[in-house]
N, C-alpha and C. Protein backbone atom coordinates (compact mmCIF):
# COMPACT_ATOMS: atom_id res chain seq x y z
N MET A 1 -80.91 60.63 -6.53
CA MET A 1 -79.28 60.58 -7.03
C MET A 1 -78.65 61.52 -6.53
N ILE A 2 -77.49 60.98 -7.15
CA ILE A 2 -75.76 61.12 -6.56
C ILE A 2 -75.76 63.01 -6.53
N ASP A 3 -75.54 63.83 -5.32
CA ASP A 3 -74.86 65.46 -4.95
C ASP A 3 -73.60 64.97 -5.95
N GLN A 4 -73.11 65.23 -7.14
CA GLN A 4 -71.83 65.75 -7.25
C GLN A 4 -70.89 66.63 -7.02
N ASN A 5 -71.65 67.68 -6.08
CA ASN A 5 -70.70 67.88 -5.77
C ASN A 5 -70.05 68.55 -4.30
N THR A 6 -71.07 66.92 -3.76
CA THR A 6 -71.10 66.37 -1.75
C THR A 6 -70.12 65.07 -1.61
N ALA A 7 -70.60 64.13 -3.17
CA ALA A 7 -70.10 63.46 -3.41
C ALA A 7 -68.41 62.86 -2.64
N PRO A 8 -67.16 63.92 -3.56
CA PRO A 8 -66.02 63.43 -3.19
C PRO A 8 -65.34 63.70 -2.34
N TYR A 9 -66.18 64.75 -0.51
CA TYR A 9 -66.18 64.23 0.79
C TYR A 9 -66.88 63.80 1.55
N ALA A 10 -67.51 63.09 0.34
CA ALA A 10 -68.34 61.07 1.32
C ALA A 10 -67.52 60.94 1.23
N ALA A 11 -67.02 60.72 0.30
CA ALA A 11 -65.70 59.49 0.64
C ALA A 11 -64.69 59.57 1.09
N PHE A 12 -64.21 60.72 1.05
CA PHE A 12 -63.00 61.58 2.25
C PHE A 12 -63.54 60.88 3.27
N VAL A 13 -64.74 61.07 3.96
CA VAL A 13 -64.80 60.98 4.99
C VAL A 13 -65.13 59.27 5.13
N LEU A 14 -65.76 58.78 4.56
CA LEU A 14 -65.49 56.74 4.80
C LEU A 14 -64.32 56.77 4.52
N ARG A 15 -63.64 56.73 3.48
CA ARG A 15 -61.70 56.58 2.86
C ARG A 15 -61.64 56.54 4.45
N VAL A 16 -61.24 58.28 5.38
CA VAL A 16 -60.73 58.76 6.08
C VAL A 16 -61.09 57.40 7.74
N THR A 17 -62.66 57.30 8.02
CA THR A 17 -62.68 56.87 8.79
C THR A 17 -62.51 55.63 9.20
N SER A 18 -63.00 54.80 7.74
CA SER A 18 -62.38 53.39 8.06
C SER A 18 -61.11 52.85 7.83
N GLY A 19 -60.47 53.91 7.38
CA GLY A 19 -58.72 53.46 7.02
C GLY A 19 -57.94 54.28 8.84
N VAL A 20 -59.13 54.68 9.73
CA VAL A 20 -58.37 55.26 11.16
C VAL A 20 -59.06 53.66 12.50
N LEU A 21 -59.62 53.33 11.73
CA LEU A 21 -60.54 51.93 12.57
C LEU A 21 -59.54 51.07 11.87
N LEU A 22 -59.16 50.75 10.68
CA LEU A 22 -58.31 49.22 9.83
C LEU A 22 -56.82 49.67 10.89
N VAL A 23 -56.30 50.54 10.84
CA VAL A 23 -55.14 51.26 11.08
C VAL A 23 -55.30 51.08 13.21
N ALA A 24 -55.61 51.87 13.87
CA ALA A 24 -56.22 50.59 15.69
C ALA A 24 -57.03 49.12 15.95
N HIS A 25 -57.86 48.78 14.82
CA HIS A 25 -57.24 47.52 14.52
C HIS A 25 -55.83 47.05 14.85
N GLY A 26 -55.12 47.34 13.87
CA GLY A 26 -54.14 46.17 13.32
C GLY A 26 -53.17 46.86 14.48
N LEU A 27 -52.96 47.87 15.28
CA LEU A 27 -52.19 47.74 16.31
C LEU A 27 -53.02 48.12 17.75
N LEU A 28 -53.95 47.41 17.56
CA LEU A 28 -55.45 46.82 19.21
C LEU A 28 -54.22 45.61 18.54
N LYS A 29 -53.87 44.52 17.40
CA LYS A 29 -53.34 44.01 17.98
C LYS A 29 -51.88 43.15 18.31
N VAL A 30 -50.74 45.09 17.75
CA VAL A 30 -49.96 44.42 17.87
C VAL A 30 -49.90 44.68 19.23
N PHE A 31 -50.26 45.69 20.26
CA PHE A 31 -49.68 46.56 20.79
C PHE A 31 -50.11 45.91 21.96
N VAL A 32 -51.31 45.47 22.01
CA VAL A 32 -52.68 44.71 23.04
C VAL A 32 -53.24 43.32 23.15
N PHE A 33 -53.50 42.86 22.03
CA PHE A 33 -53.00 41.99 22.36
C PHE A 33 -51.65 41.01 21.93
N THR A 34 -50.35 41.62 21.80
CA THR A 34 -49.37 41.23 21.20
C THR A 34 -49.76 40.43 19.40
N ILE A 35 -48.22 40.47 19.26
CA ILE A 35 -48.10 39.61 17.95
C ILE A 35 -47.73 38.37 18.18
N PRO A 36 -47.43 37.48 18.93
CA PRO A 36 -47.39 36.40 19.92
C PRO A 36 -49.13 35.15 19.92
N GLY A 37 -49.44 37.12 20.96
CA GLY A 37 -50.74 36.52 20.99
C GLY A 37 -51.63 35.93 20.05
N THR A 38 -51.89 37.89 18.64
CA THR A 38 -52.64 37.77 17.55
C THR A 38 -51.70 36.36 16.73
N VAL A 39 -51.60 36.04 16.88
CA VAL A 39 -50.64 34.57 15.39
C VAL A 39 -51.83 33.07 17.12
N GLY A 40 -51.53 34.07 18.19
CA GLY A 40 -52.62 32.06 19.02
C GLY A 40 -53.42 31.79 18.62
N PHE A 41 -54.16 33.33 18.57
CA PHE A 41 -55.64 33.22 18.28
C PHE A 41 -56.16 33.06 17.12
N PHE A 42 -55.14 33.90 15.81
CA PHE A 42 -55.74 32.80 14.14
C PHE A 42 -55.68 31.66 14.93
N GLU A 43 -54.69 30.63 15.21
CA GLU A 43 -53.95 29.56 14.99
C GLU A 43 -55.45 28.21 15.90
N SER A 44 -55.74 29.21 16.29
CA SER A 44 -56.56 28.88 17.73
C SER A 44 -57.90 28.26 17.19
N VAL A 45 -58.81 29.25 16.02
CA VAL A 45 -60.10 29.53 15.14
C VAL A 45 -59.23 28.64 13.86
N GLY A 46 -58.11 28.09 13.81
CA GLY A 46 -57.86 27.11 12.29
C GLY A 46 -57.16 27.81 11.40
N PHE A 47 -56.86 29.23 11.74
CA PHE A 47 -56.05 29.49 10.70
C PHE A 47 -54.41 29.36 10.89
N PRO A 48 -53.59 29.46 9.43
CA PRO A 48 -52.54 29.79 9.53
C PRO A 48 -52.18 31.06 10.82
N GLY A 49 -51.38 30.46 10.94
CA GLY A 49 -50.12 31.53 12.16
C GLY A 49 -50.11 33.10 11.15
N ILE A 50 -49.46 32.83 9.70
CA ILE A 50 -48.42 33.45 8.39
C ILE A 50 -50.41 34.58 8.25
N PHE A 51 -51.44 34.10 8.44
CA PHE A 51 -53.08 34.72 8.32
C PHE A 51 -52.62 36.27 9.36
N ALA A 52 -52.39 35.94 10.50
CA ALA A 52 -51.97 36.79 11.87
C ALA A 52 -51.64 37.56 10.89
N TYR A 53 -50.38 37.27 10.26
CA TYR A 53 -48.77 39.02 10.09
C TYR A 53 -49.57 39.66 9.28
N LEU A 54 -50.42 39.20 7.82
CA LEU A 54 -51.61 39.39 6.16
C LEU A 54 -52.17 40.59 7.43
N THR A 55 -52.83 39.91 7.91
CA THR A 55 -54.53 41.07 8.65
C THR A 55 -53.24 41.86 9.49
N ILE A 56 -52.90 42.32 10.89
CA ILE A 56 -51.68 43.42 11.08
C ILE A 56 -50.74 43.62 9.84
N LEU A 57 -50.67 43.41 8.44
CA LEU A 57 -50.93 44.26 7.43
C LEU A 57 -51.21 45.18 6.35
N ALA A 58 -52.27 44.40 6.64
CA ALA A 58 -53.55 45.09 5.69
C ALA A 58 -53.75 45.97 6.88
N GLU A 59 -54.19 45.72 8.22
CA GLU A 59 -54.70 47.43 9.11
C GLU A 59 -54.02 48.41 8.79
N VAL A 60 -52.87 48.37 9.37
CA VAL A 60 -52.07 49.10 9.60
C VAL A 60 -51.16 49.86 7.72
N VAL A 61 -50.73 48.93 7.31
CA VAL A 61 -50.50 49.51 6.03
C VAL A 61 -51.80 50.32 5.15
N GLY A 62 -52.61 48.66 5.37
CA GLY A 62 -54.01 49.24 4.82
C GLY A 62 -54.58 49.94 4.88
N GLY A 63 -54.94 50.79 6.36
CA GLY A 63 -55.43 51.65 6.92
C GLY A 63 -54.67 53.18 6.72
N THR A 64 -53.38 52.60 6.38
CA THR A 64 -52.71 54.48 6.63
C THR A 64 -52.83 55.05 5.40
N ALA A 65 -53.17 53.26 4.46
CA ALA A 65 -52.93 53.97 2.66
C ALA A 65 -54.09 54.91 2.37
N LEU A 66 -55.58 54.05 2.73
CA LEU A 66 -56.79 54.80 3.00
C LEU A 66 -56.86 56.04 3.37
N ILE A 67 -56.35 56.25 4.61
CA ILE A 67 -56.53 57.86 5.34
C ILE A 67 -55.82 58.64 4.16
N LEU A 68 -54.74 57.92 3.39
CA LEU A 68 -54.34 58.73 2.47
C LEU A 68 -54.91 59.29 0.87
N GLY A 69 -55.45 57.97 1.01
CA GLY A 69 -56.07 58.27 -0.32
C GLY A 69 -54.85 56.83 -1.39
N VAL A 70 -54.17 56.36 -0.82
CA VAL A 70 -53.66 55.97 -2.40
C VAL A 70 -54.08 54.17 -2.61
N ALA A 71 -53.98 53.76 -3.72
CA ALA A 71 -54.25 53.30 -3.51
C ALA A 71 -55.79 53.32 -3.70
N THR A 72 -56.58 53.45 -3.38
CA THR A 72 -58.25 53.64 -2.36
C THR A 72 -59.08 52.63 -2.97
N ARG A 73 -58.81 52.50 -3.95
CA ARG A 73 -59.98 51.47 -4.36
C ARG A 73 -59.23 49.79 -3.78
N ILE A 74 -57.70 49.06 -4.30
CA ILE A 74 -57.22 48.34 -4.29
C ILE A 74 -57.08 48.33 -2.67
N VAL A 75 -57.33 48.97 -2.67
CA VAL A 75 -55.95 48.53 -0.47
C VAL A 75 -58.08 48.30 -0.26
N ALA A 76 -59.32 49.60 -0.48
CA ALA A 76 -59.67 49.17 -0.32
C ALA A 76 -60.68 47.29 -0.64
N LEU A 77 -60.97 47.03 -1.41
CA LEU A 77 -60.95 45.03 -2.49
C LEU A 77 -59.44 44.48 -1.66
N ALA A 78 -58.78 44.96 -1.09
CA ALA A 78 -57.84 43.74 -0.44
C ALA A 78 -58.32 43.75 1.41
N THR A 79 -58.97 44.48 1.53
CA THR A 79 -59.39 44.67 3.15
C THR A 79 -60.60 43.74 3.06
N ILE A 80 -61.52 43.69 2.55
CA ILE A 80 -62.46 42.64 2.43
C ILE A 80 -62.31 41.28 2.92
N PRO A 81 -61.46 40.43 1.97
CA PRO A 81 -60.70 39.03 2.41
C PRO A 81 -60.74 39.05 4.49
N VAL A 82 -59.89 40.62 4.80
CA VAL A 82 -59.80 40.01 5.89
C VAL A 82 -60.68 40.57 7.38
N MET A 83 -61.92 40.93 6.66
CA MET A 83 -63.15 41.68 7.06
C MET A 83 -64.16 40.62 7.09
N LEU A 84 -63.81 39.17 6.03
CA LEU A 84 -64.92 37.89 5.26
C LEU A 84 -64.49 37.03 6.26
N GLY A 85 -63.08 37.52 7.03
CA GLY A 85 -62.25 36.12 7.67
C GLY A 85 -62.42 36.65 8.61
N ALA A 86 -63.01 38.00 9.67
CA ALA A 86 -63.30 37.67 11.04
C ALA A 86 -64.79 37.34 10.75
N VAL A 87 -65.43 37.69 9.99
CA VAL A 87 -67.03 37.39 9.70
C VAL A 87 -67.03 36.03 10.28
N SER A 88 -66.22 35.08 9.39
CA SER A 88 -66.07 33.91 9.93
C SER A 88 -65.94 33.43 10.77
N VAL A 89 -64.89 34.06 11.84
CA VAL A 89 -65.02 33.58 13.05
C VAL A 89 -65.74 34.49 14.28
N HIS A 90 -66.61 34.93 13.96
CA HIS A 90 -67.63 36.09 14.45
C HIS A 90 -68.70 34.85 14.75
N ALA A 91 -68.39 34.56 13.82
CA ALA A 91 -70.47 33.87 12.84
C ALA A 91 -70.77 33.04 14.84
N GLY A 92 -70.01 32.40 15.40
CA GLY A 92 -71.02 31.56 15.88
C GLY A 92 -71.05 32.06 17.06
N ALA A 93 -70.99 33.56 17.72
CA ALA A 93 -71.56 34.11 18.32
C ALA A 93 -72.76 34.59 18.80
N GLY A 94 -73.34 35.06 16.98
CA GLY A 94 -74.38 35.74 17.05
C GLY A 94 -74.33 36.94 16.29
N TRP A 95 -75.62 37.32 16.29
CA TRP A 95 -75.36 38.67 15.25
C TRP A 95 -74.58 39.23 15.98
N VAL A 96 -75.03 40.47 17.02
CA VAL A 96 -74.31 41.31 17.82
C VAL A 96 -73.29 41.22 17.66
N PHE A 97 -72.60 42.11 17.80
CA PHE A 97 -70.91 42.49 17.89
C PHE A 97 -70.88 42.39 20.03
N SER A 98 -71.79 43.44 21.01
CA SER A 98 -71.12 42.90 21.53
C SER A 98 -71.52 42.25 22.84
N ASN A 99 -72.52 41.40 21.58
CA ASN A 99 -71.72 39.10 22.30
C ASN A 99 -70.48 39.22 22.56
N GLN A 100 -70.69 37.55 23.80
CA GLN A 100 -70.05 37.78 24.04
C GLN A 100 -68.73 36.73 22.82
N GLY A 101 -67.58 37.26 22.78
CA GLY A 101 -66.81 36.15 21.49
C GLY A 101 -67.35 37.35 20.17
N GLY A 102 -68.11 38.13 20.43
CA GLY A 102 -68.13 39.34 19.62
C GLY A 102 -69.43 38.39 18.00
N GLY A 103 -69.75 39.34 17.53
CA GLY A 103 -70.65 38.59 16.41
C GLY A 103 -70.70 39.27 15.13
N TRP A 104 -71.18 39.01 14.37
CA TRP A 104 -70.20 39.26 12.36
C TRP A 104 -70.95 40.33 12.57
N GLU A 105 -72.03 41.34 12.89
CA GLU A 105 -72.81 42.14 12.23
C GLU A 105 -71.44 43.05 11.65
N PHE A 106 -70.66 43.74 12.81
CA PHE A 106 -69.26 44.53 12.93
C PHE A 106 -68.78 44.68 11.72
N PRO A 107 -68.10 43.85 11.65
CA PRO A 107 -66.55 43.17 9.61
C PRO A 107 -67.78 42.96 8.95
N ALA A 108 -69.37 41.72 8.22
CA ALA A 108 -69.49 41.73 7.67
C ALA A 108 -70.47 43.59 7.23
N PHE A 109 -71.02 45.00 8.20
CA PHE A 109 -70.75 46.14 7.77
C PHE A 109 -69.93 46.44 7.45
N TRP A 110 -68.43 45.85 7.87
CA TRP A 110 -67.27 46.76 7.28
C TRP A 110 -66.83 46.09 5.64
N ALA A 111 -67.18 44.89 5.97
CA ALA A 111 -67.00 44.51 4.28
C ALA A 111 -67.42 44.93 3.68
N ALA A 112 -68.80 45.35 3.90
CA ALA A 112 -69.98 46.35 2.61
C ALA A 112 -69.28 47.79 2.70
N VAL A 113 -68.25 48.40 3.54
CA VAL A 113 -68.15 49.99 3.58
C VAL A 113 -66.66 49.97 2.72
N GLN A 114 -66.23 48.90 3.23
CA GLN A 114 -64.68 48.69 1.46
C GLN A 114 -65.10 47.97 0.38
N LEU A 115 -66.29 47.81 0.11
CA LEU A 115 -66.98 47.30 -1.17
C LEU A 115 -67.43 48.41 -1.27
N THR A 116 -67.93 49.44 -0.40
CA THR A 116 -68.11 50.53 -1.52
C THR A 116 -67.16 52.53 -1.16
N ILE A 117 -66.10 52.38 -0.73
CA ILE A 117 -65.13 52.52 -1.18
C ILE A 117 -64.65 52.47 -2.72
N ALA A 118 -64.22 50.90 -2.19
CA ALA A 118 -63.92 50.48 -3.73
C ALA A 118 -64.31 51.49 -4.82
N LEU A 119 -65.86 51.18 -4.53
CA LEU A 119 -66.79 51.35 -6.25
C LEU A 119 -66.64 53.37 -6.01
N LEU A 120 -66.40 54.11 -4.85
CA LEU A 120 -66.75 55.48 -5.10
C LEU A 120 -65.14 56.07 -5.36
N GLY A 121 -63.93 55.66 -4.96
CA GLY A 121 -62.96 55.74 -5.19
C GLY A 121 -62.52 56.51 -3.99
N SER A 122 -61.56 57.62 -4.30
CA SER A 122 -60.66 58.60 -2.99
C SER A 122 -61.13 59.01 -2.55
N GLY A 123 -62.03 59.76 -3.73
CA GLY A 123 -63.19 61.14 -3.02
C GLY A 123 -62.11 62.39 -3.14
N ALA A 124 -62.44 63.52 -2.18
CA ALA A 124 -61.12 64.57 -1.93
C ALA A 124 -60.22 64.61 -1.45
N PHE A 125 -59.45 64.87 -1.22
CA PHE A 125 -57.91 65.39 -0.78
C PHE A 125 -56.68 63.91 -0.72
N SER A 126 -57.17 63.31 -1.23
CA SER A 126 -56.15 61.64 -1.71
C SER A 126 -54.96 62.34 -2.16
N LEU A 127 -53.70 61.77 -1.96
CA LEU A 127 -52.57 62.17 -1.90
C LEU A 127 -52.29 61.46 -3.42
N LYS A 128 -52.06 62.02 -4.28
CA LYS A 128 -51.48 62.22 -6.56
C LYS A 128 -50.22 61.38 -5.90
N LEU A 129 -49.65 59.64 -6.79
CA LEU A 129 -48.69 60.01 -6.67
C LEU A 129 -48.12 59.26 -7.67
N PRO A 130 -47.82 59.68 -8.81
CA PRO A 130 -47.33 59.70 -10.00
C PRO A 130 -47.48 57.69 -9.83
N VAL A 131 -46.45 57.48 -9.83
CA VAL A 131 -46.56 56.44 -9.63
C VAL A 131 -47.58 54.81 -9.81
N VAL A 132 -48.06 55.88 -8.37
CA VAL A 132 -49.33 54.46 -8.27
C VAL A 132 -49.72 55.33 -9.47
N ASN A 133 -50.92 55.70 -9.13
CA ASN A 133 -51.29 56.57 -10.68
C ASN A 133 -51.53 56.11 -11.19
N ASN A 134 -49.96 56.31 -12.09
CA ASN A 134 -49.61 55.92 -13.46
C ASN A 134 -49.50 54.64 -13.90
N ALA A 135 -49.19 53.11 -12.59
CA ALA A 135 -49.71 51.58 -13.12
C ALA A 135 -50.92 50.92 -12.78
N LEU A 136 -51.89 51.73 -11.53
CA LEU A 136 -52.74 50.95 -11.13
C LEU A 136 -54.05 52.13 -12.15
N GLY A 137 -53.83 53.13 -12.92
CA GLY A 137 -54.72 53.49 -13.53
C GLY A 137 -55.93 54.08 -12.99
N LYS A 138 -57.49 53.62 -13.88
CA LYS A 138 -58.30 53.67 -12.30
C LYS A 138 -58.44 53.74 -12.10
N PHE A 139 -58.18 52.67 -11.41
CA PHE A 139 -58.15 51.72 -10.11
C PHE A 139 -57.26 52.53 -8.88
N ALA A 140 -56.58 53.24 -8.60
CA ALA A 140 -55.51 54.05 -7.75
C ALA A 140 -56.68 54.46 -6.77
């Protein structure tokens, strides 16, 4: 049974921690691997270079939106393809992400977390933007 008193706070914790991790991963691609390095990596594993930019955008902007609780359901759903792409890249390295080349368990788990956030919604302490809420209705 779902505890209606604590569920909004659980959704908040899950939303914010996932958002922080997304922003951190996006900034890692910008400042550590560099954008050209990230583009090169994406191309080396068979993805078009534009996917690197879209991934960075999804992680930084999407992560920030999750932290703030803006368009939470849509943002969470939009990041699932990013996680599934990471699963496909890391699948050859085995299950555990600590394997050389990283395994697929962490991005697969993260995809499940994003689906959970999409199902739960924003939870407590979300930023209410009337323009977004009116445009997206119950999906905001």
